[in-house]
């Protein structure tokens, strides 16, 4: 039980993922294993009762993260924020702070989104 005088610790980052997507489930399972410091809260937005900072259809269409300060990130920026919280992936997340690198990652993510439905069918 929490001590009554201890402040409630908010996660460093909240990841919003599509729990109905077999690719997403696999990736999130890996990220949860790698998040040994438990700095990330993972929320399945495919469930109807999940709180969403944005419209649920937007949350399901792209990967999102919300920082401790309340900023909601999307796409490659959300992945980079997640990577920065996981020690093994932190170097990649730090490299992604470069706007050119982030722009390249975002373009790659947009291409992935085009083939995601096909990959999801294969993963089922």
Foldseek 3Di string as FASTA:
>chain_A
DDDPPDDDDDAQKEKEEAPVFLVRVVVVVVLVVQLPVPRYHYWHLNDPPTDDPDPSVVCHLWIWMAGPVGDIDTALLRVLSSLCSGVVSNVVSVVCVPVVNVVVRRVVRVVCSVCRVVVRVVSD
